[in-house]
């Protein structure tokens, strides 16, 4: 029911432009090429169908190349490891088997901010295509609850960190909530 309402709203408010964007990508520079290809795209071009062409490979994109592109892009773009040229954009949180990611607050130079914007647009494209075009570009990414709440505009509380990172919550937040820290000027309640 909710999906249908959102789908009708998006198609009414933001119609999909006709045509397709062709992105020429080198596998060994997938994130960089995707970033450079998409840097100058208009909002309408982000809503168009994307056809992926891997350099040096013969292939017609009937959806498989696109699916592979978004899977690899998501895995590399949202990876918590340091990357040449863009640094570490995200941090791992928690010790679960499915690693949760959270934006790295130390990532603040201009190029990293542009990559954050790009990551947000990639996420938005995947959601848009899934709802409006019934294309399923699954990103292998697990966001923290606090990041989801931030993206949705919901208030974030210290208790969100209990699910984001139970060790952090137990060692820091739970201690502060149970202790007398009134003199520190923090309003934790």
Protein backbone atom coordinates (compact mmCIF):
# COMPACT_ATOMS: atom_id res chain seq x y z
CA UNK A 1 0.00 0.00 0.00
CA UNK A 2 2.66 2.57 1.03
CA UNK A 3 4.85 1.64 -1.94
CA UNK A 4 1.95 2.24 -4.33
CA UNK A 5 1.13 5.63 -2.81
CA UNK A 6 4.79 6.73 -2.99
CA UNK A 7 5.09 5.38 -6.53
CA UNK A 8 2.02 7.33 -7.70
CA UNK A 9 3.30 10.48 -5.95
CA UNK A 10 6.75 10.26 -7.55
CA UNK A 11 5.49 9.58 -11.06
CA UNK A 12 3.00 12.44 -10.80
CA UNK A 13 5.46 14.94 -9.28
CA UNK A 14 8.65 13.92 -11.10
CA UNK A 15 8.03 12.30 -14.46
CA UNK A 16 10.80 10.15 -15.87
CA UNK A 17 12.48 11.79 -18.84
CA UNK A 18 12.67 9.71 -21.98
CA UNK A 19 15.96 8.51 -23.39
CA UNK A 20 18.94 6.99 -21.68
CA UNK A 21 22.27 8.10 -20.27
CA UNK A 22 25.22 6.04 -21.42
CA UNK A 23 27.99 5.76 -18.83
CA UNK A 24 31.35 4.51 -20.05
CA UNK A 25 33.13 2.85 -17.14
CA UNK A 26 36.53 1.25 -16.64
CA UNK A 27 36.26 -1.60 -14.15
CA UNK A 28 39.55 -0.74 -12.46
CA UNK A 29 38.31 2.84 -11.88
CA UNK A 30 34.61 2.18 -11.42
CA UNK A 31 33.91 4.69 -8.62
CA UNK A 32 36.07 7.44 -10.10
CA UNK A 33 34.60 6.99 -13.59
CA UNK A 34 31.05 6.89 -12.24
CA UNK A 35 31.73 10.05 -10.21
CA UNK A 36 33.21 11.86 -13.21
CA UNK A 37 30.44 10.68 -15.59
CA UNK A 38 27.71 11.76 -13.19
CA UNK A 39 29.28 15.04 -12.02
CA UNK A 40 27.67 17.14 -14.72
CA UNK A 41 24.35 15.32 -15.01
CA UNK A 42 21.16 17.28 -14.51
CA UNK A 43 18.42 16.08 -12.16
CA UNK A 44 16.47 14.89 -15.22
CA UNK A 45 19.47 12.82 -16.38
CA UNK A 46 19.63 11.15 -12.94
CA UNK A 47 16.01 10.06 -13.46
CA UNK A 48 16.69 8.65 -16.93
CA UNK A 49 17.57 5.04 -17.61
CA UNK A 50 21.32 4.46 -17.35
CA UNK A 51 23.03 2.14 -19.79
CA UNK A 52 26.41 0.91 -18.62
CA UNK A 53 29.25 0.26 -21.03
CA UNK A 54 32.35 -1.34 -19.52
CA UNK A 55 35.42 -0.26 -21.47
CA UNK A 56 36.99 -3.01 -23.53
CA UNK A 57 34.01 -5.35 -23.15
CA UNK A 58 31.27 -6.30 -25.54
CA UNK A 59 27.91 -6.31 -23.90
CA UNK A 60 24.40 -5.02 -24.25
CA UNK A 61 22.89 -3.70 -21.06
CA UNK A 62 19.56 -5.44 -20.62
CA UNK A 63 19.79 -4.87 -16.88
CA UNK A 64 22.59 -7.21 -15.87
CA UNK A 65 25.42 -4.73 -16.44
CA UNK A 66 23.45 -2.05 -14.65
CA UNK A 67 22.78 -4.35 -11.69
CA UNK A 68 26.46 -5.31 -11.52
CA UNK A 69 27.50 -1.65 -11.80
CA UNK A 70 25.31 -0.55 -8.87
CA UNK A 71 26.32 -3.53 -6.73
CA UNK A 72 30.05 -2.90 -7.19
CA UNK A 73 29.60 0.88 -6.95
CA UNK A 74 27.70 0.55 -3.67
CA UNK A 75 30.22 -1.87 -2.20
CA UNK A 76 33.20 0.37 -3.09
CA UNK A 77 31.62 3.79 -2.51
CA UNK A 78 30.22 2.96 0.93
CA UNK A 79 33.26 0.93 2.00
CA UNK A 80 34.84 2.07 5.27
CA UNK A 81 38.38 1.67 3.95
CA UNK A 82 40.55 4.58 2.87
CA UNK A 83 40.49 5.14 -0.88
CA UNK A 84 42.89 7.04 -3.07
CA UNK A 85 41.53 10.47 -3.87
CA UNK A 86 38.50 10.44 -1.59
CA UNK A 87 39.74 9.27 1.79
CA UNK A 88 37.42 7.50 4.21
CA UNK A 89 33.83 8.68 3.74
CA UNK A 90 32.17 6.20 6.08
CA UNK A 91 32.99 4.45 9.35
CA UNK A 92 32.02 1.00 10.48
CA UNK A 93 29.89 0.79 13.58
CA UNK A 94 29.01 -2.19 15.69
CA UNK A 95 30.44 -5.64 15.75
CA UNK A 96 27.62 -7.43 13.97
CA UNK A 97 28.17 -9.68 10.97
CA UNK A 98 26.35 -7.11 8.81
CA UNK A 99 28.56 -4.07 9.30
CA UNK A 100 26.64 -0.86 9.74
CA UNK A 101 28.08 2.26 8.16
CA UNK A 102 27.88 5.82 9.33
CA UNK A 103 29.29 9.00 7.75
CA UNK A 104 32.81 9.86 8.84
CA UNK A 105 32.68 13.27 10.52
CA UNK A 106 36.37 13.79 9.77
CA UNK A 107 35.72 13.70 6.02
CA UNK A 108 35.46 17.39 5.37
CA UNK A 109 37.59 18.51 2.43
CA UNK A 110 35.86 19.74 -0.72
CA UNK A 111 36.40 16.58 -2.78
CA UNK A 112 35.07 14.37 0.03
CA UNK A 113 31.96 16.57 0.29
CA UNK A 114 31.41 16.11 -3.47
CA UNK A 115 31.73 12.33 -3.01
CA UNK A 116 29.19 12.45 -0.14
CA UNK A 117 26.81 14.28 -2.49
CA UNK A 118 27.46 11.67 -5.17
CA UNK A 119 26.81 8.83 -2.68
CA UNK A 120 23.50 10.45 -1.76
CA UNK A 121 22.49 10.79 -5.40
CA UNK A 122 23.40 7.15 -6.09
CA UNK A 123 21.22 6.10 -3.17
CA UNK A 124 18.39 8.35 -4.39
CA UNK A 125 18.69 6.96 -7.94
CA UNK A 126 18.41 3.41 -6.68
CA UNK A 127 15.32 4.27 -4.62
CA UNK A 128 13.75 6.25 -7.47
CA UNK A 129 14.38 3.53 -10.06
CA UNK A 130 13.05 0.89 -7.68
CA UNK A 131 9.80 2.77 -7.02
CA UNK A 132 9.12 4.35 -10.40
CA UNK A 133 10.71 2.00 -12.92
CA UNK A 134 10.52 -1.24 -10.96
CA UNK A 135 14.28 -1.68 -11.45
CA UNK A 136 16.03 -3.13 -8.46
CA UNK A 137 19.56 -1.85 -8.01
CA UNK A 138 20.45 -3.30 -4.65
CA UNK A 139 23.23 -1.56 -2.81
CA UNK A 140 25.06 -3.88 -0.40
CA UNK A 141 24.90 -1.27 2.35
CA UNK A 142 23.52 -1.36 5.89
CA UNK A 143 23.07 2.11 7.37
CA UNK A 144 22.93 2.85 11.08
CA UNK A 145 19.57 3.65 12.66
CA UNK A 146 20.76 7.16 13.51
CA UNK A 147 21.70 7.81 9.85
CA UNK A 148 18.31 6.52 8.64
CA UNK A 149 16.55 8.78 11.13
CA UNK A 150 18.66 11.72 9.98
CA UNK A 151 17.81 11.03 6.32
CA UNK A 152 14.11 10.84 7.21
CA UNK A 153 14.26 14.04 9.29
CA UNK A 154 13.35 12.23 12.51
CA UNK A 155 14.90 13.28 15.83
CA UNK A 156 17.93 11.24 16.89
CA UNK A 157 18.44 10.24 20.51
CA UNK A 158 21.27 8.68 22.45
CA UNK A 159 19.21 5.49 22.59
CA UNK A 160 19.65 5.02 18.82
CA UNK A 161 23.27 4.16 19.52
CA UNK A 162 22.09 1.15 21.53
CA UNK A 163 21.29 -0.55 18.20
CA UNK A 164 23.97 1.25 16.12
CA UNK A 165 26.87 0.25 18.33
CA UNK A 166 25.96 -1.65 21.53
CA UNK A 167 29.56 -1.54 22.80
CA UNK A 168 29.70 2.25 22.43
CA UNK A 169 26.33 2.57 24.12
CA UNK A 170 27.31 0.36 27.06
CA UNK A 171 30.70 1.91 27.61
CA UNK A 172 29.87 5.59 27.04
CA UNK A 173 26.23 6.56 26.70
CA UNK A 174 24.75 4.15 29.25
CA UNK A 175 27.41 5.24 31.76
CA UNK A 176 26.56 8.92 31.22
CA UNK A 177 22.83 8.25 31.53
CA UNK A 178 23.31 6.34 34.80
CA UNK A 179 25.88 8.72 36.32
CA UNK A 180 25.70 12.20 37.72
CA UNK A 181 26.93 14.34 34.85
CA UNK A 182 24.77 17.39 35.54
CA UNK A 183 27.84 19.52 36.12
CA UNK A 184 29.04 18.86 32.57
CA UNK A 185 26.19 20.90 31.08
CA UNK A 186 24.81 17.99 29.04
CA UNK A 187 21.09 17.46 28.78
CA UNK A 188 20.87 13.69 28.27
CA UNK A 189 17.36 13.05 29.53
